Amino acid sequence: MIEGLRILTDTSDPEEARTQIASVYCPHRLTVQRGLSKFRAQHAEGGASGLGVYFLSYGSATTLLESGRLDDFVLVSQQISGRFAARAHSGERLLVPGEHVVLDAHTAYQLRWEENCKLFHARIPRTEFETAVAEFTGAGESDAVRFPLSSRPSKPGTVAVAKVMQFLLRNAGRNGLLTSGPLLRAQMRRMLVASIVEAYPGFSHTDAGPSGAVRPPAVRRAVAYLEDAAAEDVRISDVAAAARLSTRALQEAFRKHLDTTPIAYLKSIRLARAHADLRQSSVEDGTTVAAVAYRWGFGNLGRFAADYRREFGRSPSEVLRGSL
């Protein structure tokens, strides 16, 4: 437990933990998949209304939390120890200590704690979060802000988010800056959102200049289309139409804001989806690496295996054999 935070839950009863923690976040299903005797839910709170800071651990048990949409708030989760995985229709993220994930208000998630995983969260009301994103990026305030799990934060952005999160944690106690008043709290909330915008290039703010440079909202429309259509036969003209750009302007926008191409971005989404399928399957149920690769459009199995290892650090067959 983190010193200075108020203890909300400390129990070895999974149902009691689910009920108490749901009252703070949202209704969810909690399943202890392995190590029930090692289950111990610890949940603590700091900060104040408008920017809360929380600690959450389920002990050494392997614990799966399945939630609906968060709706009213956004969580920025920073890993302290153990293994943590977040899964949604948009892909999967596996965190190591020091990394973060942004859980947006519009997505349902499966979250898994393993190996004595400990996290702390910053919780921001959705309206304040999306208003700040709009201010930094030039997007409309009514735009739904989503962070697909297949999108990886930049390295400088990851460092920036970690520094802000540690600052918030140090100031979340009773005498910390987060309790000093709403004005200072709003400034720290903006500081966190700014670091998140920096971490995800698709949200970088760039004004349209005399040359007619494309603004990030067009890139976000393209990314949203790619996320939704990843299992389909995607053509570059379809992506351009979704972004409301010419194909040439689309290519230029992706190079400028994401440092990649639309097709390469689509490939990364499909690779993340294949990874999620492999983790959720097993050799015993008849799943093969080839079947998963072909399902997601990877016809060259050797290249698929090489790209997969480069991205996830293990071969597809190792992940399939080791699926939980």
C-alpha atoms as a PDB file:
ATOM      1  CA  MET A   1       0.000   0.000   0.000  1.00  0.00           C
ATOM      2  CA  ILE A   2       1.247   3.493  -0.790  1.00  0.00           C
ATOM      3  CA  GLU A   3       1.874   5.733   2.201  1.00  0.00           C
ATOM      4  CA  GLY A   4      -0.395   8.760   2.518  1.00  0.00           C
ATOM      5  CA  LEU A   5      -3.408   7.333   0.670  1.00  0.00           C
ATOM      6  CA  ARG A   6      -6.690   6.492   2.416  1.00  0.00           C
ATOM      7  CA  ILE A   7      -7.374   2.745   2.583  1.00  0.00           C
ATOM      8  CA  LEU A   8     -10.732   1.926   0.979  1.00  0.00           C
ATOM      9  CA  THR A   9     -10.475  -1.858   0.667  1.00  0.00           C
ATOM     10  CA  ASP A  10      -8.269  -4.527   2.234  1.00  0.00           C
ATOM     11  CA  THR A  11      -9.844  -7.967   1.925  1.00  0.00           C
ATOM     12  CA  SER A  12      -9.196 -11.558   0.849  1.00  0.00           C
ATOM     13  CA  ASP A  13     -12.839 -12.042  -0.192  1.00  0.00           C
ATOM     14  CA  PRO A  14     -13.189 -11.587  -4.004  1.00  0.00           C
ATOM     15  CA  GLU A  15     -16.896 -10.745  -3.853  1.00  0.00           C
ATOM     16  CA  GLU A  16     -16.394  -8.145  -1.132  1.00  0.00           C
ATOM     17  CA  ALA A  17     -13.547  -6.670  -3.173  1.00  0.00           C
ATOM     18  CA  ARG A  18     -15.661  -6.540  -6.321  1.00  0.00           C
ATOM     19  CA  THR A  19     -18.537  -4.784  -4.558  1.00  0.00           C
ATOM     20  CA  GLN A  20     -16.365  -2.184  -2.857  1.00  0.00           C
ATOM     21  CA  ILE A  21     -14.173  -1.416  -5.865  1.00  0.00           C
ATOM     22  CA  ALA A  22     -17.172  -1.257  -8.220  1.00  0.00           C
ATOM     23  CA  SER A  23     -18.629   1.501  -6.055  1.00  0.00           C
ATOM     24  CA  VAL A  24     -15.602   3.659  -6.913  1.00  0.00           C
ATOM     25  CA  TYR A  25     -15.218   2.814 -10.613  1.00  0.00           C
ATOM     26  CA  CYS A  26     -18.010   0.941 -12.413  1.00  0.00           C
ATOM     27  CA  PRO A  27     -19.869  -2.401 -12.309  1.00  0.00           C
ATOM     28  CA  HIS A  28     -17.630  -5.288 -13.350  1.00  0.00           C
ATOM     29  CA  ARG A  29     -17.011  -9.006 -13.154  1.00  0.00           C
ATOM     30  CA  LEU A  30     -14.061 -10.195 -11.043  1.00  0.00           C
ATOM     31  CA  THR A  31     -12.627 -13.689 -11.551  1.00  0.00           C
ATOM     32  CA  VAL A  32      -9.701 -15.208  -9.668  1.00  0.00           C
ATOM     33  CA  GLN A  33      -8.188 -17.395 -12.377  1.00  0.00           C
ATOM     34  CA  ARG A  34      -5.359 -18.858 -10.315  1.00  0.00           C
ATOM     35  CA  GLY A  35      -4.051 -18.702  -6.738  1.00  0.00           C
ATOM     36  CA  LEU A  36      -7.232 -17.989  -4.759  1.00  0.00           C
ATOM     37  CA  SER A  37      -5.358 -18.460  -1.480  1.00  0.00           C
ATOM     38  CA  LYS A  38      -3.026 -15.631  -2.529  1.00  0.00           C
ATOM     39  CA  PHE A  39      -5.837 -13.204  -3.381  1.00  0.00           C
ATOM     40  CA  ARG A  40      -5.762  -9.966  -1.406  1.00  0.00           C
ATOM     41  CA  ALA A  41      -7.448  -6.853  -2.737  1.00  0.00           C
ATOM     42  CA  GLN A  42      -5.910  -3.587  -1.582  1.00  0.00           C
ATOM     43  CA  HIS A  43      -7.365  -0.314  -2.783  1.00  0.00           C
ATOM     44  CA  ALA A  44      -6.455   3.168  -1.555  1.00  0.00           C
ATOM     45  CA  GLU A  45      -7.411   6.706  -2.556  1.00  0.00           C
ATOM     46  CA  GLY A  46      -5.811  10.134  -2.622  1.00  0.00           C
ATOM     47  CA  GLY A  47      -6.270  13.446  -4.363  1.00  0.00           C
ATOM     48  CA  ALA A  48      -9.681  15.072  -4.585  1.00  0.00           C
ATOM     49  CA  SER A  49     -12.666  15.608  -6.850  1.00  0.00           C
ATOM     50  CA  GLY A  50     -11.534  16.331 -10.390  1.00  0.00           C
ATOM     51  CA  LEU A  51      -8.231  14.463 -10.084  1.00  0.00           C
ATOM     52  CA  GLY A  52      -8.157  11.334  -7.945  1.00  0.00           C
ATOM     53  CA  VAL A  53      -5.135   9.086  -7.398  1.00  0.00           C
ATOM     54  CA  TYR A  54      -5.632   5.416  -6.503  1.00  0.00           C
ATOM     55  CA  PHE A  55      -3.569   2.332  -5.663  1.00  0.00           C
ATOM     56  CA  LEU A  56      -4.916  -1.106  -6.631  1.00  0.00           C
ATOM     57  CA  SER A  57      -3.549  -4.628  -6.201  1.00  0.00           C
ATOM     58  CA  TYR A  58      -5.105  -8.097  -6.010  1.00  0.00           C
ATOM     59  CA  GLY A  59      -2.136  -9.780  -4.360  1.00  0.00           C
ATOM     60  CA  SER A  60      -0.275 -12.671  -5.983  1.00  0.00           C
ATOM     61  CA  ALA A  61      -3.392 -14.249  -7.497  1.00  0.00           C
ATOM     62  CA  THR A  62      -4.017 -14.079 -11.238  1.00  0.00           C
ATOM     63  CA  THR A  63      -7.138 -11.919 -11.358  1.00  0.00           C
ATOM     64  CA  LEU A  64      -9.298 -10.915 -14.330  1.00  0.00           C
ATOM     65  CA  LEU A  65     -11.523  -7.831 -14.203  1.00  0.00           C
ATOM     66  CA  GLU A  66     -14.091  -7.402 -17.001  1.00  0.00           C
ATOM     67  CA  SER A  67     -15.782  -4.008 -17.152  1.00  0.00           C
ATOM     68  CA  GLY A  68     -18.241  -2.207 -19.333  1.00  0.00           C
ATOM     69  CA  ARG A  69     -17.475   1.293 -20.585  1.00  0.00           C
ATOM     70  CA  LEU A  70     -16.142   3.635 -17.933  1.00  0.00           C
ATOM     71  CA  ASP A  71     -18.484   6.350 -19.309  1.00  0.00           C
ATOM     72  CA  ASP A  72     -17.892   9.172 -16.820  1.00  0.00           C
ATOM     73  CA  PHE A  73     -14.119   9.154 -16.393  1.00  0.00           C
ATOM     74  CA  VAL A  74     -10.745   8.281 -17.888  1.00  0.00           C
ATOM     75  CA  LEU A  75      -8.076   6.263 -16.052  1.00  0.00           C
ATOM     76  CA  VAL A  76      -4.356   6.642 -16.597  1.00  0.00           C
ATOM     77  CA  SER A  77      -2.843   3.494 -15.075  1.00  0.00           C
ATOM     78  CA  GLN A  78       0.857   3.293 -14.223  1.00  0.00           C
ATOM     79  CA  GLN A  79       2.383  -0.076 -13.353  1.00  0.00           C
ATOM     80  CA  ILE A  80       4.507  -0.401 -10.220  1.00  0.00           C
ATOM     81  CA  SER A  81       5.304  -4.128 -10.211  1.00  0.00           C
ATOM     82  CA  GLY A  82       4.239  -7.522 -11.561  1.00  0.00           C
ATOM     83  CA  ARG A  83       2.479  -8.115 -14.882  1.00  0.00           C
ATOM     84  CA  PHE A  84      -0.571  -6.257 -16.153  1.00  0.00           C
ATOM     85  CA  ALA A  85      -2.511  -6.768 -19.380  1.00  0.00           C
ATOM     86  CA  ALA A  86      -5.328  -4.649 -20.807  1.00  0.00           C
ATOM     87  CA  ARG A  87      -7.463  -6.056 -23.623  1.00  0.00           C
ATOM     88  CA  ALA A  88     -10.287  -4.545 -25.688  1.00  0.00           C
ATOM     89  CA  HIS A  89     -11.683  -4.764 -29.210  1.00  0.00           C
ATOM     90  CA  SER A  90      -8.911  -2.368 -30.268  1.00  0.00           C
ATOM     91  CA  GLY A  91      -6.070  -4.691 -29.248  1.00  0.00           C
ATOM     92  CA  GLU A  92      -4.035  -5.554 -26.180  1.00  0.00           C
ATOM     93  CA  ARG A  93      -1.311  -3.918 -24.084  1.00  0.00           C
ATOM     94  CA  LEU A  94       1.108  -5.806 -21.872  1.00  0.00           C
ATOM     95  CA  LEU A  95       2.805  -3.471 -19.405  1.00  0.00           C
ATOM     96  CA  VAL A  96       6.098  -3.658 -17.586  1.00  0.00           C
ATOM     97  CA  PRO A  97       6.829  -1.591 -14.469  1.00  0.00           C
ATOM     98  CA  GLY A  98       7.096   2.093 -15.334  1.00  0.00           C
ATOM     99  CA  GLU A  99       4.758   1.917 -18.330  1.00  0.00           C
ATOM    100  CA  HIS A 100       1.228   3.304 -18.486  1.00  0.00           C
ATOM    101  CA  VAL A 101      -2.004   2.698 -20.329  1.00  0.00           C
ATOM    102  CA  VAL A 102      -4.864   5.141 -20.942  1.00  0.00           C
ATOM    103  CA  LEU A 103      -8.310   3.592 -20.395  1.00  0.00           C
ATOM    104  CA  ASP A 104     -10.783   5.863 -22.136  1.00  0.00           C
ATOM    105  CA  ALA A 105     -14.424   6.438 -21.250  1.00  0.00           C
ATOM    106  CA  HIS A 106     -15.878   4.816 -24.372  1.00  0.00           C
ATOM    107  CA  THR A 107     -14.400   1.304 -24.297  1.00  0.00           C
ATOM    108  CA  ALA A 108     -15.111  -1.938 -22.415  1.00  0.00           C
ATOM    109  CA  TYR A 109     -11.981  -3.623 -21.055  1.00  0.00           C
ATOM    110  CA  GLN A 110     -10.608  -6.907 -19.784  1.00  0.00           C
ATOM    111  CA  LEU A 111      -7.834  -6.225 -17.260  1.00  0.00           C
ATOM    112  CA  ARG A 112      -5.581  -8.904 -15.827  1.00  0.00           C
ATOM    113  CA  TRP A 113      -3.327  -8.688 -12.749  1.00  0.00           C
ATOM    114  CA  GLU A 114      -0.526 -11.272 -12.447  1.00  0.00           C
ATOM    115  CA  GLU A 115       2.598 -11.901 -10.363  1.00  0.00           C
ATOM    116  CA  ASN A 116       1.745  -9.507  -7.516  1.00  0.00           C
ATOM    117  CA  CYS A 117       0.862  -6.704  -9.921  1.00  0.00           C
ATOM    118  CA  LYS A 118       0.498  -3.277  -8.344  1.00  0.00           C
ATOM    119  CA  LEU A 119      -0.853  -0.212 -10.128  1.00  0.00           C
ATOM    120  CA  PHE A 120      -1.719   3.338  -9.374  1.00  0.00           C
ATOM    121  CA  HIS A 121      -4.275   5.309 -11.342  1.00  0.00           C
ATOM    122  CA  ALA A 122      -5.032   8.928 -12.020  1.00  0.00           C
ATOM    123  CA  ARG A 123      -8.760   9.382 -12.532  1.00  0.00           C
ATOM    124  CA  ILE A 124     -10.012  12.354 -14.560  1.00  0.00           C
ATOM    125  CA  PRO A 125     -13.676  13.172 -15.254  1.00  0.00           C
ATOM    126  CA  ARG A 126     -14.436  12.561 -18.924  1.00  0.00           C
ATOM    127  CA  THR A 127     -15.676  16.078 -19.651  1.00  0.00           C
ATOM    128  CA  GLU A 128     -12.556  17.699 -18.183  1.00  0.00           C
ATOM    129  CA  PHE A 129     -10.285  15.238 -19.978  1.00  0.00           C
ATOM    130  CA  GLU A 130     -11.886  15.631 -23.399  1.00  0.00           C
ATOM    131  CA  THR A 131     -12.095  19.413 -23.056  1.00  0.00           C
ATOM    132  CA  ALA A 132      -8.366  19.533 -22.312  1.00  0.00           C
ATOM    133  CA  VAL A 133      -7.570  17.226 -25.250  1.00  0.00           C
ATOM    134  CA  ALA A 134      -9.607  19.486 -27.530  1.00  0.00           C
ATOM    135  CA  GLU A 135      -7.695  22.507 -26.270  1.00  0.00           C
ATOM    136  CA  PHE A 136      -4.317  20.894 -26.947  1.00  0.00           C
ATOM    137  CA  THR A 137      -5.171  19.321 -30.319  1.00  0.00           C
ATOM    138  CA  GLY A 138      -7.725  21.620 -31.900  1.00  0.00           C
ATOM    139  CA  ALA A 139     -10.366  18.871 -31.964  1.00  0.00           C
ATOM    140  CA  GLY A 140     -14.000  19.626 -31.267  1.00  0.00           C
ATOM    141  CA  GLU A 141     -14.997  19.387 -27.613  1.00  0.00           C
ATOM    142  CA  SER A 142     -17.851  17.047 -28.565  1.00  0.00           C
ATOM    143  CA  ASP A 143     -15.444  14.534 -30.140  1.00  0.00           C
ATOM    144  CA  ALA A 144     -15.239  11.196 -28.338  1.00  0.00           C
ATOM    145  CA  VAL A 145     -11.602  10.701 -27.375  1.00  0.00           C
ATOM    146  CA  ARG A 146     -10.406   7.100 -27.678  1.00  0.00           C
ATOM    147  CA  PHE A 147      -7.000   5.540 -27.079  1.00  0.00           C
ATOM    148  CA  PRO A 148      -6.837   2.224 -28.989  1.00  0.00           C
ATOM    149  CA  LEU A 149      -4.737  -0.306 -27.129  1.00  0.00           C
ATOM    150  CA  SER A 150      -2.925  -1.091 -30.375  1.00  0.00           C
ATOM    151  CA  SER A 151      -1.464   2.446 -30.305  1.00  0.00           C
ATOM    152  CA  ARG A 152       1.888   2.557 -28.531  1.00  0.00           C
ATOM    153  CA  PRO A 153       3.058   5.738 -26.774  1.00  0.00           C
ATOM    154  CA  SER A 154       6.266   7.378 -27.945  1.00  0.00           C
ATOM    155  CA  LYS A 155       9.348   6.867 -25.764  1.00  0.00           C
ATOM    156  CA  PRO A 156       9.688  10.579 -24.836  1.00  0.00           C
ATOM    157  CA  GLY A 157       5.966  10.694 -24.119  1.00  0.00           C
ATOM    158  CA  THR A 158       6.159   7.611 -21.926  1.00  0.00           C
ATOM    159  CA  VAL A 159       8.852   9.291 -19.842  1.00  0.00           C
ATOM    160  CA  ALA A 160       6.797  12.497 -19.625  1.00  0.00           C
ATOM    161  CA  VAL A 161       3.672  10.666 -18.441  1.00  0.00           C
ATOM    162  CA  ALA A 162       5.689   8.713 -15.850  1.00  0.00           C
ATOM    163  CA  LYS A 163       7.164  11.923 -14.420  1.00  0.00           C
ATOM    164  CA  VAL A 164       3.749  13.566 -14.098  1.00  0.00           C
ATOM    165  CA  MET A 165       2.207  10.449 -12.564  1.00  0.00           C
ATOM    166  CA  GLN A 166       4.974  10.227  -9.965  1.00  0.00           C
ATOM    167  CA  PHE A 167       4.500  13.913  -9.167  1.00  0.00           C
ATOM    168  CA  LEU A 168       0.760  13.347  -8.658  1.00  0.00           C
ATOM    169  CA  LEU A 169       1.419  10.338  -6.458  1.00  0.00           C
ATOM    170  CA  ARG A 170       3.799  12.315  -4.254  1.00  0.00           C
ATOM    171  CA  ASN A 171       1.154  15.010  -3.836  1.00  0.00           C
ATOM    172  CA  ALA A 172      -1.932  12.817  -3.398  1.00  0.00           C
ATOM    173  CA  GLY A 173      -1.836  12.626   0.401  1.00  0.00           C
ATOM    174  CA  ARG A 174      -3.762  14.724   2.878  1.00  0.00           C
ATOM    175  CA  ASN A 175      -1.197  17.540   2.839  1.00  0.00           C
ATOM    176  CA  GLY A 176      -0.260  17.252  -0.826  1.00  0.00           C
ATOM    177  CA  LEU A 177      -0.807  19.784  -3.592  1.00  0.00           C
ATOM    178  CA  LEU A 178      -3.827  17.893  -4.958  1.00  0.00           C
ATOM    179  CA  THR A 179      -5.787  18.954  -1.895  1.00  0.00           C
ATOM    180  CA  SER A 180      -4.657  22.595  -2.091  1.00  0.00           C
ATOM    181  CA  GLY A 181      -7.636  23.814  -4.082  1.00  0.00           C
ATOM    182  CA  PRO A 182      -9.432  23.442  -7.419  1.00  0.00           C
ATOM    183  CA  LEU A 183      -7.263  25.905  -9.361  1.00  0.00           C
ATOM    184  CA  LEU A 184      -3.998  24.108  -8.635  1.00  0.00           C
ATOM    185  CA  ARG A 185      -5.701  20.767  -9.187  1.00  0.00           C
ATOM    186  CA  ALA A 186      -6.910  21.918 -12.613  1.00  0.00           C
ATOM    187  CA  GLN A 187      -3.374  22.958 -13.549  1.00  0.00           C
ATOM    188  CA  MET A 188      -2.020  19.531 -12.606  1.00  0.00           C
ATOM    189  CA  ARG A 189      -4.815  17.856 -14.552  1.00  0.00           C
ATOM    190  CA  ARG A 190      -3.864  19.884 -17.631  1.00  0.00           C
ATOM    191  CA  MET A 191      -0.223  18.929 -17.094  1.00  0.00           C
ATOM    192  CA  LEU A 192      -1.145  15.227 -17.160  1.00  0.00           C
ATOM    193  CA  VAL A 193      -3.313  15.580 -20.272  1.00  0.00           C
ATOM    194  CA  ALA A 194      -0.536  17.514 -22.020  1.00  0.00           C
ATOM    195  CA  SER A 195       1.903  14.675 -21.318  1.00  0.00           C
ATOM    196  CA  ILE A 196      -0.579  12.144 -22.721  1.00  0.00           C
ATOM    197  CA  VAL A 197      -1.066  14.197 -25.886  1.00  0.00           C
ATOM    198  CA  GLU A 198       2.723  14.236 -26.262  1.00  0.00           C
ATOM    199  CA  ALA A 199       2.886  10.468 -25.774  1.00  0.00           C
ATOM    200  CA  TYR A 200       0.410   9.688 -28.559  1.00  0.00           C
ATOM    201  CA  PRO A 201       1.411  11.426 -31.818  1.00  0.00           C
ATOM    202  CA  GLY A 202      -2.083  11.102 -33.287  1.00  0.00           C
ATOM    203  CA  PHE A 203      -3.153  13.723 -30.745  1.00  0.00           C
ATOM    204  CA  SER A 204      -0.333  16.163 -31.433  1.00  0.00           C
ATOM    205  CA  HIS A 205      -1.599  19.674 -32.105  1.00  0.00           C
ATOM    206  CA  THR A 206      -0.586  21.179 -35.428  1.00  0.00           C
ATOM    207  CA  ASP A 207      -2.371  24.135 -36.950  1.00  0.00           C
ATOM    208  CA  ALA A 208      -3.107  24.142 -40.635  1.00  0.00           C
ATOM    209  CA  GLY A 209      -0.614  26.521 -42.167  1.00  0.00           C
ATOM    210  CA  PRO A 210      -0.444  28.282 -45.533  1.00  0.00           C
ATOM    211  CA  SER A 211       0.571  25.037 -47.242  1.00  0.00           C
ATOM    212  CA  GLY A 212      -2.717  23.441 -46.208  1.00  0.00           C
ATOM    213  CA  ALA A 213      -1.166  20.985 -43.751  1.00  0.00           C
ATOM    214  CA  VAL A 214      -3.676  18.450 -42.457  1.00  0.00           C
ATOM    215  CA  ARG A 215      -4.862  18.840 -38.872  1.00  0.00           C
ATOM    216  CA  PRO A 216      -4.789  15.845 -36.487  1.00  0.00           C
ATOM    217  CA  PRO A 217      -8.609  15.335 -36.449  1.00  0.00           C
ATOM    218  CA  ALA A 218      -8.301  13.928 -39.979  1.00  0.00           C
ATOM    219  CA  VAL A 219      -5.636  11.522 -38.780  1.00  0.00           C
ATOM    220  CA  ARG A 220      -7.864  10.443 -35.901  1.00  0.00           C
ATOM    221  CA  ARG A 221     -10.726   9.756 -38.292  1.00  0.00           C
ATOM    222  CA  ALA A 222      -8.420   7.575 -40.361  1.00  0.00           C
ATOM    223  CA  VAL A 223      -7.121   5.738 -37.293  1.00  0.00           C
ATOM    224  CA  ALA A 224     -10.665   5.115 -36.033  1.00  0.00           C
ATOM    225  CA  TYR A 225     -11.600   3.684 -39.423  1.00  0.00           C
ATOM    226  CA  LEU A 226      -8.565   1.385 -39.432  1.00  0.00           C
ATOM    227  CA  GLU A 227      -9.392   0.170 -35.920  1.00  0.00           C
ATOM    228  CA  ASP A 228     -12.987  -0.621 -36.881  1.00  0.00           C
ATOM    229  CA  ALA A 229     -12.190  -2.189 -40.269  1.00  0.00           C
ATOM    230  CA  ALA A 230      -9.018  -4.099 -39.395  1.00  0.00           C
ATOM    231  CA  ALA A 231     -10.670  -7.464 -40.085  1.00  0.00           C
ATOM    232  CA  GLU A 232     -11.889  -6.332 -43.517  1.00  0.00           C
ATOM    233  CA  ASP A 233     -10.268  -5.864 -46.925  1.00  0.00           C
ATOM    234  CA  VAL A 234      -9.123  -2.274 -46.396  1.00  0.00           C
ATOM    235  CA  ARG A 235      -8.209  -0.132 -49.381  1.00  0.00           C
ATOM    236  CA  ILE A 236      -6.272   3.089 -49.100  1.00  0.00           C
ATOM    237  CA  SER A 237      -9.065   4.931 -50.905  1.00  0.00           C
ATOM    238  CA  ASP A 238     -11.512   3.823 -48.184  1.00  0.00           C
ATOM    239  CA  VAL A 239      -9.218   5.174 -45.466  1.00  0.00           C
ATOM    240  CA  ALA A 240      -8.846   8.463 -47.334  1.00  0.00           C
ATOM    241  CA  ALA A 241     -12.614   8.758 -47.670  1.00  0.00           C
ATOM    242  CA  ALA A 242     -13.062   8.145 -43.932  1.00  0.00           C
ATOM    243  CA  ALA A 243     -10.461  10.831 -43.181  1.00  0.00           C
ATOM    244  CA  ARG A 244     -12.026  13.212 -45.760  1.00  0.00           C
ATOM    245  CA  LEU A 245      -8.690  13.567 -47.552  1.00  0.00           C
ATOM    246  CA  SER A 246      -7.117  12.688 -50.850  1.00  0.00           C
ATOM    247  CA  THR A 247      -4.943   9.571 -50.762  1.00  0.00           C
ATOM    248  CA  ARG A 248      -1.826  11.708 -51.177  1.00  0.00           C
ATOM    249  CA  ALA A 249      -2.804  14.024 -48.308  1.00  0.00           C
ATOM    250  CA  LEU A 250      -3.582  10.967 -46.174  1.00  0.00           C
ATOM    251  CA  GLN A 251      -0.113   9.527 -46.753  1.00  0.00           C
ATOM    252  CA  GLU A 252       1.496  12.879 -45.934  1.00  0.00           C
ATOM    253  CA  ALA A 253      -0.596  13.249 -42.769  1.00  0.00           C
ATOM    254  CA  PHE A 254       0.419   9.818 -41.478  1.00  0.00           C
ATOM    255  CA  ARG A 255       4.085  10.499 -42.172  1.00  0.00           C
ATOM    256  CA  LYS A 256       3.918  13.872 -40.445  1.00  0.00           C
ATOM    257  CA  HIS A 257       1.879  12.980 -37.370  1.00  0.00           C
ATOM    258  CA  LEU A 258       2.504   9.245 -36.863  1.00  0.00           C
ATOM    259  CA  ASP A 259       5.830   8.725 -38.643  1.00  0.00           C
ATOM    260  CA  THR A 260       4.400   5.770 -40.565  1.00  0.00           C
ATOM    261  CA  THR A 261       2.050   4.954 -43.438  1.00  0.00           C
ATOM    262  CA  PRO A 262      -1.640   3.984 -43.249  1.00  0.00           C
ATOM    263  CA  ILE A 263      -0.853   0.442 -44.410  1.00  0.00           C
ATOM    264  CA  ALA A 264       1.954   0.026 -41.861  1.00  0.00           C
ATOM    265  CA  TYR A 265      -0.376   1.333 -39.152  1.00  0.00           C
ATOM    266  CA  LEU A 266      -3.037  -1.180 -40.223  1.00  0.00           C
ATOM    267  CA  LYS A 267      -0.444  -3.938 -40.051  1.00  0.00           C
ATOM    268  CA  SER A 268       0.397  -2.981 -36.449  1.00  0.00           C
ATOM    269  CA  ILE A 269      -3.294  -3.155 -35.521  1.00  0.00           C
ATOM    270  CA  ARG A 270      -3.659  -6.582 -37.111  1.00  0.00           C
ATOM    271  CA  LEU A 271      -0.502  -7.798 -35.391  1.00  0.00           C
ATOM    272  CA  ALA A 272      -1.934  -6.708 -32.024  1.00  0.00           C
ATOM    273  CA  ARG A 273      -5.233  -8.468 -32.797  1.00  0.00           C
ATOM    274  CA  ALA A 274      -3.358 -11.656 -33.750  1.00  0.00           C
ATOM    275  CA  HIS A 275      -1.429 -11.412 -30.482  1.00  0.00           C
ATOM    276  CA  ALA A 276      -4.663 -11.089 -28.512  1.00  0.00           C
ATOM    277  CA  ASP A 277      -6.136 -14.128 -30.298  1.00  0.00           C
ATOM    278  CA  LEU A 278      -3.056 -16.236 -29.576  1.00  0.00           C
ATOM    279  CA  ARG A 279      -3.116 -15.315 -25.886  1.00  0.00           C
ATOM    280  CA  GLN A 280      -6.789 -16.226 -25.606  1.00  0.00           C
ATOM    281  CA  SER A 281      -6.394 -19.578 -27.421  1.00  0.00           C
ATOM    282  CA  SER A 282      -4.448 -22.784 -26.877  1.00  0.00           C
ATOM    283  CA  VAL A 283      -3.036 -25.717 -28.800  1.00  0.00           C
ATOM    284  CA  GLU A 284      -5.561 -27.947 -27.016  1.00  0.00           C
ATOM    285  CA  ASP A 285      -8.531 -26.205 -28.621  1.00  0.00           C
ATOM    286  CA  GLY A 286      -7.064 -26.760 -32.086  1.00  0.00           C
ATOM    287  CA  THR A 287      -5.748 -23.259 -32.693  1.00  0.00           C
ATOM    288  CA  THR A 288      -2.654 -22.955 -34.879  1.00  0.00           C
ATOM    289  CA  VAL A 289      -0.326 -20.033 -35.461  1.00  0.00           C
ATOM    290  CA  ALA A 290      -0.967 -20.300 -39.191  1.00  0.00           C
ATOM    291  CA  ALA A 291      -4.739 -20.056 -38.750  1.00  0.00           C
ATOM    292  CA  VAL A 292      -4.428 -16.909 -36.631  1.00  0.00           C
ATOM    293  CA  ALA A 293      -1.901 -15.357 -39.010  1.00  0.00           C
ATOM    294  CA  TYR A 294      -4.087 -16.025 -42.040  1.00  0.00           C
ATOM    295  CA  ARG A 295      -7.166 -14.702 -40.225  1.00  0.00           C
ATOM    296  CA  TRP A 296      -5.428 -11.346 -39.854  1.00  0.00           C
ATOM    297  CA  GLY A 297      -4.054 -11.219 -43.380  1.00  0.00           C
ATOM    298  CA  PHE A 298      -0.468 -12.398 -42.818  1.00  0.00           C
ATOM    299  CA  GLY A 299       0.280 -14.745 -45.706  1.00  0.00           C
ATOM    300  CA  ASN A 300       4.046 -15.034 -45.165  1.00  0.00           C
ATOM    301  CA  LEU A 301       4.388 -16.998 -41.921  1.00  0.00           C
ATOM    302  CA  GLY A 302       8.140 -16.430 -41.631  1.00  0.00           C
ATOM    303  CA  ARG A 303       7.748 -12.676 -41.895  1.00  0.00           C
ATOM    304  CA  PHE A 304       4.779 -12.789 -39.510  1.00  0.00           C
ATOM    305  CA  ALA A 305       6.864 -14.647 -36.913  1.00  0.00           C
ATOM    306  CA  ALA A 306       9.763 -12.197 -37.258  1.00  0.00           C
ATOM    307  CA  ASP A 307       7.526  -9.125 -36.967  1.00  0.00           C
ATOM    308  CA  TYR A 308       5.703 -10.703 -34.040  1.00  0.00           C
ATOM    309  CA  ARG A 309       8.888 -11.442 -32.110  1.00  0.00           C
ATOM    310  CA  ARG A 310      10.178  -7.926 -32.766  1.00  0.00           C
ATOM    311  CA  GLU A 311       6.967  -6.415 -31.356  1.00  0.00           C
ATOM    312  CA  PHE A 312       6.190  -8.747 -28.450  1.00  0.00           C
ATOM    313  CA  GLY A 313       9.526 -10.323 -27.537  1.00  0.00           C
ATOM    314  CA  ARG A 314       8.374 -13.925 -28.038  1.00  0.00           C
ATOM    315  CA  SER A 315       7.475 -16.112 -30.989  1.00  0.00           C
ATOM    316  CA  PRO A 316       3.795 -16.707 -31.856  1.00  0.00           C
ATOM    317  CA  SER A 317       4.139 -20.414 -31.042  1.00  0.00           C
ATOM    318  CA  GLU A 318       5.595 -19.643 -27.604  1.00  0.00           C
ATOM    319  CA  VAL A 319       2.647 -17.378 -26.801  1.00  0.00           C
ATOM    320  CA  LEU A 320       0.133 -19.950 -28.048  1.00  0.00           C
ATOM    321  CA  ARG A 321       1.691 -22.753 -25.988  1.00  0.00           C
ATOM    322  CA  GLY A 322       1.895 -20.522 -22.925  1.00  0.00           C
ATOM    323  CA  SER A 323      -1.627 -19.025 -23.137  1.00  0.00           C
ATOM    324  CA  LEU A 324      -3.404 -18.797 -19.812  1.00  0.00           C
END
